[in-house]
Amino acid sequence: MSAIEESDIEESNGLFNITLEPLIKDFLNQQNRSALIMENQSITVQNPSEFKEKIWEVFQNQLKREVIIRDDGVLEMIETDPHIDSIDNFIRLRKNNRFMMPSAISLTSLRTIASSSAPISTIVCRYSFNLLSKAHWIQFQNKFILPLSQDRAGATSNEIVFDVLQRLRSRWSGEYQSESANWYSWAAFIVESDQYEQDGLIGRPPPPHLVQQFRPAPTSTTLALEQINTASNASLNILRDFKQQLDHLKQLYERRHEEYMLGHQEFLNCVGSLETTLRTYFNIIPEYETASRPNTVSANRYQERIPEQTDVDHQH
C-alpha cells in the first residue's frame, strides 16, 4: 500500500469500515452448501483491539461449547461458555486463501482489510476448529448430542419432530398425500439424520423406504377431468332417456290399426312430454361447458335441473 493510501485511511477520523462475509459451520471441513450463510455484517472500528471485540459481539450468539481432542483421540467438551479470550478457536478470517486469527490482526492488517472494497470471508465454527472432519462431527454427535436428545426424549424430542413435520407438510402437501403416521415417520427419519443435513432432506421427496407410502396429490388437471367425467355421465343419461322415448314412439307407430284411437292419444301425450324434456335439456346443456373449469360451478348445479334424474352414477 502506498504512503498516500495509508495517509487517506489515517485521516478518515482513524476509523476503519469493514464488511464481514460470515459462514457458520459445525466442523471446519463442512461443505459450504450445507453450512449456514449469514447476511454480511458491517463493523466500524478504530484499532485491532476494538476489531476483536466487535467480531466477538457479532458472532458470540452463534457459538456453542468448545470441543477439544485429547492425544488418544477422545473428544471432550468444555462445560463453560466460550470467552473472548478463546476467540481464535472459533473465528478466523480468510483473505487470499490465508487464514488470519482475530487476536493476531495488526494495525497494518486492519488497514489492508479496510482498503479492500470486497467483504472479507469470516469462518465461524460453533464447536471450535478442533472439529475438523465429518468423522469428528459424527463422533461428537454420538457422544454429546444424541444422549442429550435421549435425556430429553419426551416433550422436547416430540417438539423437534413436530417442527420438522410441519415443514414437510408445508413443502410437500401439494405434491403428496398419505396417512399422518407416514408423515411422522418421514419427519422422524430426518430428525435422526445429521443435523447439518436436515434442511437438505426436508427439501427432497420421501426417502426410498417410505416413498411407496405416499401417493401423488390430485392436481387441478385431475379435478377438471373428474368434473368432465361427471358431465359425460349426465349427458349419457340424457341420451338414454331420449332413446327410451323414441323407442316408445316407434312402438306406437307399429300398433295395429284397430287400436289407433287409443294409440293416437298416447302418442300425443308422449310428444308433449318429449317437447317439455327437450326444452329443459336445451336450457341446461350450455352449462356442461363449466364442468371443465374446476372450482367454478358445482357438479350438481346442472344435474339438479334434470327432471327425475335418479342415476347414482352422477349423484353426490
Protein backbone atom coordinates (compact mmCIF):
# COMPACT_ATOMS: atom_id res chain seq x y z
CA MET A 1 0.00 0.00 0.00
CA SER A 2 1.36 3.46 -0.91
CA ALA A 3 2.04 6.21 1.63
CA ILE A 4 -0.77 8.26 0.08
CA GLU A 5 -3.29 5.46 0.60
CA GLU A 6 -2.17 4.99 4.22
CA SER A 7 -2.50 8.72 4.81
CA ASP A 8 -6.03 8.71 3.40
CA ILE A 9 -7.09 5.96 5.82
CA GLU A 10 -5.45 7.60 8.82
CA GLU A 11 -7.11 10.91 8.05
CA SER A 12 -10.61 9.40 7.96
CA ASN A 13 -11.02 10.02 11.70
CA GLY A 14 -8.92 6.92 12.38
CA LEU A 15 -11.94 4.66 11.67
CA PHE A 16 -11.94 1.51 9.57
CA ASN A 17 -15.14 0.36 7.87
CA ILE A 18 -15.07 -3.39 7.32
CA THR A 19 -17.64 -5.79 5.85
CA LEU A 20 -17.63 -9.40 7.08
CA GLU A 21 -18.95 -12.27 4.96
CA PRO A 22 -19.86 -14.96 7.56
CA LEU A 23 -20.09 -18.72 7.04
CA ILE A 24 -21.24 -20.68 10.11
CA LYS A 25 -20.08 -24.32 10.32
CA ASP A 26 -20.46 -27.26 12.71
CA PHE A 27 -16.99 -28.54 11.75
CA LEU A 28 -14.17 -26.97 9.75
CA ASN A 29 -14.35 -29.13 6.60
CA GLN A 30 -18.14 -28.98 6.34
CA GLN A 31 -19.16 -28.21 2.77
CA ASN A 32 -20.24 -24.62 2.24
CA ARG A 33 -23.58 -25.64 0.70
CA SER A 34 -24.63 -27.33 3.96
CA ALA A 35 -23.29 -24.57 6.21
CA LEU A 36 -25.26 -21.56 7.42
CA ILE A 37 -24.67 -18.45 5.33
CA MET A 38 -25.44 -15.27 7.26
CA GLU A 39 -26.00 -11.84 5.80
CA ASN A 40 -22.92 -9.68 5.51
CA GLN A 41 -22.09 -7.80 8.70
CA SER A 42 -20.62 -4.28 8.67
CA ILE A 43 -18.50 -3.02 11.55
CA THR A 44 -16.59 0.20 12.20
CA VAL A 45 -13.50 0.03 14.42
CA GLN A 46 -10.58 2.21 15.39
CA ASN A 47 -7.88 -0.33 16.27
CA PRO A 48 -7.16 -4.09 16.38
CA SER A 49 -8.39 -4.45 19.95
CA GLU A 50 -11.76 -2.93 19.07
CA PHE A 51 -11.87 -5.08 15.93
CA LYS A 52 -11.55 -8.22 18.07
CA GLU A 53 -14.31 -7.05 20.44
CA LYS A 54 -16.68 -6.17 17.59
CA ILE A 55 -16.24 -9.53 15.90
CA TRP A 56 -16.89 -11.31 19.18
CA GLU A 57 -20.03 -9.24 19.72
CA VAL A 58 -21.36 -10.09 16.26
CA PHE A 59 -20.84 -13.87 16.42
CA GLN A 60 -20.99 -14.73 20.12
CA ASN A 61 -24.59 -15.98 19.89
CA GLN A 62 -23.61 -18.44 17.14
CA LEU A 63 -21.09 -20.24 19.35
CA LYS A 64 -21.84 -23.34 21.45
CA ARG A 65 -19.21 -25.06 23.61
CA GLU A 66 -15.57 -25.62 22.79
CA VAL A 67 -14.63 -29.19 21.94
CA ILE A 68 -11.09 -30.45 22.42
CA ILE A 69 -9.49 -33.67 21.17
CA ARG A 70 -7.15 -35.47 23.53
CA ASP A 71 -3.96 -37.15 22.39
CA ASP A 72 -5.74 -40.50 22.47
CA GLY A 73 -8.42 -39.15 20.08
CA VAL A 74 -11.18 -38.90 22.69
CA LEU A 75 -13.42 -35.83 22.40
CA GLU A 76 -14.15 -33.67 25.40
CA MET A 77 -16.40 -30.62 25.69
CA ILE A 78 -15.60 -27.68 27.94
CA GLU A 79 -18.51 -27.07 30.30
CA THR A 80 -18.28 -23.26 30.39
CA ASP A 81 -19.50 -20.89 27.69
CA PRO A 82 -16.90 -19.57 25.25
CA HIS A 83 -15.00 -16.43 26.28
CA ILE A 84 -13.48 -13.75 24.11
CA ASP A 85 -10.02 -14.95 25.14
CA SER A 86 -10.67 -18.10 23.09
CA ILE A 87 -11.94 -16.23 20.01
CA ASP A 88 -9.20 -17.69 17.79
CA ASN A 89 -10.54 -21.19 18.47
CA PHE A 90 -13.93 -20.28 16.98
CA ILE A 91 -13.48 -17.45 14.46
CA ARG A 92 -10.98 -16.88 11.68
CA LEU A 93 -10.71 -14.51 8.73
CA ARG A 94 -9.70 -15.68 5.27
CA LYS A 95 -8.11 -13.43 2.68
CA ASN A 96 -6.24 -14.58 -0.42
CA ASN A 97 -6.54 -18.22 0.78
CA ARG A 98 -4.74 -17.33 4.00
CA PHE A 99 -6.33 -17.63 7.45
CA MET A 100 -5.92 -14.83 9.97
CA MET A 101 -6.77 -15.04 13.66
CA PRO A 102 -8.76 -12.09 15.06
CA SER A 103 -6.43 -11.60 18.04
CA ALA A 104 -3.40 -11.53 15.73
CA ILE A 105 -4.69 -8.75 13.46
CA SER A 106 -2.24 -5.85 13.46
CA LEU A 107 -2.91 -2.24 12.58
CA THR A 108 -1.29 -2.80 9.20
CA SER A 109 -3.52 -5.82 8.53
CA LEU A 110 -6.55 -3.80 9.59
CA ARG A 111 -5.66 -1.09 7.12
CA THR A 112 -5.25 -3.66 4.35
CA ILE A 113 -8.62 -5.24 5.09
CA ALA A 114 -10.37 -1.86 5.25
CA SER A 115 -8.82 -0.67 1.99
CA SER A 116 -10.45 -3.52 0.06
CA SER A 117 -13.91 -2.95 -1.38
CA ALA A 118 -14.72 -6.68 -1.14
CA PRO A 119 -16.05 -8.21 2.10
CA ILE A 120 -13.67 -10.45 3.99
CA SER A 121 -14.64 -14.10 4.41
CA THR A 122 -15.25 -14.95 8.06
CA ILE A 123 -15.36 -18.62 9.11
CA VAL A 124 -17.17 -19.39 12.37
CA CYS A 125 -17.10 -22.91 13.88
CA ARG A 126 -19.79 -23.39 16.53
CA TYR A 127 -17.81 -26.01 18.49
CA SER A 128 -14.31 -24.70 17.65
CA PHE A 129 -11.89 -25.54 14.88
CA ASN A 130 -10.85 -28.70 16.74
CA LEU A 131 -13.71 -30.47 14.97
CA LEU A 132 -12.04 -30.85 11.60
CA SER A 133 -13.87 -33.54 9.66
CA LYS A 134 -17.25 -35.21 9.29
CA ALA A 135 -15.84 -38.18 11.19
CA HIS A 136 -15.11 -35.88 14.14
CA TRP A 137 -18.62 -34.44 13.85
CA ILE A 138 -20.28 -37.88 13.90
CA GLN A 139 -18.16 -38.88 16.89
CA PHE A 140 -19.16 -35.66 18.64
CA GLN A 141 -22.85 -36.19 17.90
CA ASN A 142 -22.80 -39.75 19.20
CA LYS A 143 -21.09 -38.73 22.43
CA PHE A 144 -22.78 -35.43 23.26
CA ILE A 145 -25.79 -34.52 21.13
CA LEU A 146 -27.66 -37.84 20.87
CA PRO A 147 -27.51 -38.68 24.59
CA LEU A 148 -28.77 -35.19 25.35
CA SER A 149 -31.68 -35.72 22.97
CA GLN A 150 -32.46 -39.07 24.59
CA ASP A 151 -32.42 -37.50 28.04
CA ARG A 152 -35.00 -35.03 26.85
CA ALA A 153 -36.88 -37.76 24.97
CA GLY A 154 -40.48 -36.84 25.78
CA ALA A 155 -41.75 -33.39 25.02
CA THR A 156 -38.58 -31.86 23.62
CA SER A 157 -37.90 -34.70 21.17
CA ASN A 158 -41.52 -34.73 20.02
CA GLU A 159 -41.41 -30.97 19.59
CA ILE A 160 -38.43 -31.27 17.24
CA VAL A 161 -40.15 -33.97 15.18
CA PHE A 162 -43.36 -31.93 15.08
CA ASP A 163 -41.47 -28.88 13.82
CA VAL A 164 -39.91 -30.92 11.00
CA LEU A 165 -43.31 -32.49 10.30
CA GLN A 166 -44.89 -29.05 9.82
CA ARG A 167 -42.09 -28.03 7.46
CA LEU A 168 -42.54 -31.23 5.44
CA ARG A 169 -46.29 -30.70 5.10
CA SER A 170 -45.76 -27.06 4.12
CA ARG A 171 -43.26 -28.09 1.44
CA TRP A 172 -44.79 -31.32 0.08
CA SER A 173 -48.54 -31.50 0.85
CA GLY A 174 -49.26 -30.03 -2.58
CA GLU A 175 -47.46 -32.95 -4.23
CA TYR A 176 -48.00 -35.92 -1.90
CA GLN A 177 -50.81 -37.44 0.16
CA SER A 178 -50.55 -40.08 2.89
CA GLU A 179 -51.70 -41.02 6.38
CA SER A 180 -50.47 -38.94 9.33
CA ALA A 181 -48.34 -41.84 10.61
CA ASN A 182 -46.32 -41.87 7.38
CA TRP A 183 -45.70 -38.12 7.56
CA TYR A 184 -44.50 -38.61 11.14
CA SER A 185 -42.16 -41.45 10.09
CA TRP A 186 -40.70 -39.19 7.40
CA ALA A 187 -40.10 -36.39 9.94
CA ALA A 188 -38.56 -38.82 12.47
CA PHE A 189 -36.21 -40.14 9.78
CA ILE A 190 -34.95 -36.60 9.12
CA VAL A 191 -34.53 -35.79 12.82
CA GLU A 192 -32.39 -38.93 13.23
CA SER A 193 -30.01 -37.79 10.46
CA ASP A 194 -27.04 -35.48 10.90
CA GLN A 195 -28.17 -32.03 11.94
CA TYR A 196 -26.31 -30.27 9.14
CA GLU A 197 -28.12 -32.45 6.55
CA GLN A 198 -31.68 -31.93 7.83
CA ASP A 199 -32.54 -28.80 5.83
CA GLY A 200 -31.44 -30.55 2.64
CA LEU A 201 -33.51 -33.66 3.44
CA ILE A 202 -36.63 -31.57 4.05
CA GLY A 203 -36.25 -30.23 0.51
CA ARG A 204 -36.14 -33.73 -1.01
CA PRO A 205 -39.00 -36.20 -1.77
CA PRO A 206 -39.75 -39.09 0.64
CA PRO A 207 -36.79 -41.46 1.25
CA PRO A 208 -36.74 -44.80 -0.62
CA HIS A 209 -38.06 -46.85 2.30
CA LEU A 210 -41.13 -44.58 2.64
CA VAL A 211 -41.83 -43.41 -0.90
CA GLN A 212 -44.31 -46.25 -1.54
CA GLN A 213 -46.45 -44.97 1.35
CA PHE A 214 -47.09 -41.64 -0.41
CA ARG A 215 -49.30 -41.07 -3.42
CA PRO A 216 -49.39 -38.04 -5.73
CA ALA A 217 -51.79 -35.31 -4.63
CA PRO A 218 -54.60 -34.56 -7.10
CA THR A 219 -53.77 -31.68 -9.41
CA SER A 220 -56.13 -29.11 -10.92
CA THR A 221 -56.00 -31.15 -14.15
CA THR A 222 -57.18 -34.25 -12.30
CA LEU A 223 -60.07 -32.35 -10.74
CA ALA A 224 -61.04 -30.96 -14.14
CA LEU A 225 -61.07 -34.45 -15.66
CA GLU A 226 -63.24 -35.72 -12.81
CA GLN A 227 -65.80 -32.98 -13.41
CA ILE A 228 -65.74 -33.58 -17.17
CA ASN A 229 -66.39 -37.25 -16.46
CA THR A 230 -69.38 -36.26 -14.31
CA ALA A 231 -70.77 -34.14 -17.14
CA SER A 232 -70.24 -37.01 -19.59
CA ASN A 233 -72.22 -39.37 -17.35
CA ALA A 234 -75.07 -36.85 -17.18
CA SER A 235 -75.04 -36.46 -20.98
CA LEU A 236 -75.14 -40.24 -21.38
CA ASN A 237 -78.24 -40.42 -19.20
CA ILE A 238 -79.92 -37.77 -21.36
CA LEU A 239 -79.24 -39.82 -24.48
CA ARG A 240 -80.59 -42.94 -22.80
CA ASP A 241 -83.77 -41.08 -21.85
CA PHE A 242 -84.29 -39.87 -25.43
CA LYS A 243 -83.71 -43.38 -26.76
CA GLN A 244 -86.36 -44.78 -24.45
CA GLN A 245 -88.92 -42.19 -25.57
CA LEU A 246 -88.09 -42.69 -29.26
CA ASP A 247 -88.41 -46.45 -28.86
CA HIS A 248 -91.83 -45.87 -27.31
CA LEU A 249 -92.89 -43.72 -30.31
CA LYS A 250 -91.74 -46.43 -32.67
CA GLN A 251 -93.91 -48.95 -30.83
CA LEU A 252 -96.94 -46.65 -31.18
CA TYR A 253 -96.50 -46.44 -34.93
CA GLU A 254 -96.31 -50.20 -35.18
CA ARG A 255 -99.60 -50.84 -33.39
CA ARG A 256 -102.45 -52.41 -35.23
CA HIS A 257 -104.95 -50.11 -36.99
CA GLU A 258 -107.90 -51.09 -34.77
CA GLU A 259 -106.11 -49.64 -31.71
CA TYR A 260 -105.49 -46.34 -33.46
CA MET A 261 -107.70 -44.09 -31.27
CA LEU A 262 -106.13 -45.22 -28.00
CA GLY A 263 -102.68 -45.19 -29.59
CA HIS A 264 -103.25 -41.71 -31.06
CA GLN A 265 -103.96 -40.14 -27.66
CA GLU A 266 -100.99 -41.89 -26.08
CA PHE A 267 -98.86 -40.69 -28.99
CA LEU A 268 -99.89 -37.07 -28.40
CA ASN A 269 -99.13 -37.34 -24.70
CA CYS A 270 -95.70 -38.77 -25.45
CA VAL A 271 -94.92 -35.98 -27.94
CA GLY A 272 -95.93 -33.34 -25.39
CA SER A 273 -93.70 -34.94 -22.76
CA LEU A 274 -90.83 -35.13 -25.24
CA GLU A 275 -91.19 -31.42 -26.11
CA THR A 276 -91.08 -30.48 -22.40
CA THR A 277 -87.98 -32.58 -21.87
CA LEU A 278 -86.30 -31.06 -24.93
CA ARG A 279 -86.87 -27.51 -23.63
CA THR A 280 -85.33 -28.47 -20.30
CA TYR A 281 -82.30 -30.09 -21.91
CA PHE A 282 -81.69 -27.13 -24.25
CA ASN A 283 -81.58 -24.88 -21.17
CA ILE A 284 -79.06 -26.95 -19.26
CA ILE A 285 -76.76 -28.30 -22.00
CA PRO A 286 -74.81 -24.96 -22.31
CA GLU A 287 -73.86 -25.35 -18.66
CA TYR A 288 -71.93 -28.55 -19.34
CA GLU A 289 -69.01 -26.43 -20.53
CA THR A 290 -68.47 -25.25 -16.95
CA ALA A 291 -67.65 -28.79 -15.88
CA SER A 292 -64.21 -28.39 -17.45
CA ARG A 293 -63.48 -25.41 -15.18
CA PRO A 294 -62.89 -26.80 -11.66
CA ASN A 295 -63.99 -24.84 -8.61
CA THR A 296 -66.32 -22.57 -10.58
CA VAL A 297 -69.65 -24.39 -10.67
CA SER A 298 -70.78 -27.31 -8.55
CA ALA A 299 -71.10 -30.54 -10.47
CA ASN A 300 -74.62 -30.88 -9.04
CA ARG A 301 -75.80 -27.49 -10.29
CA TYR A 302 -76.95 -28.65 -13.71
CA GLN A 303 -77.85 -32.17 -12.58
CA GLU A 304 -80.43 -30.83 -10.12
CA ARG A 305 -82.30 -29.24 -13.04
CA ILE A 306 -82.75 -32.55 -14.88
CA PRO A 307 -86.24 -33.89 -14.03
CA GLU A 308 -86.36 -37.15 -12.10
CA GLN A 309 -82.67 -37.95 -12.51
CA THR A 310 -82.07 -40.83 -10.10
CA ASP A 311 -78.99 -42.40 -11.63
CA VAL A 312 -76.49 -42.89 -8.78
CA ASP A 313 -73.56 -42.60 -11.17
CA HIS A 314 -73.78 -38.81 -11.14
CA GLN A 315 -75.36 -38.02 -7.78
CA HIS A 316 -73.22 -36.86 -4.83
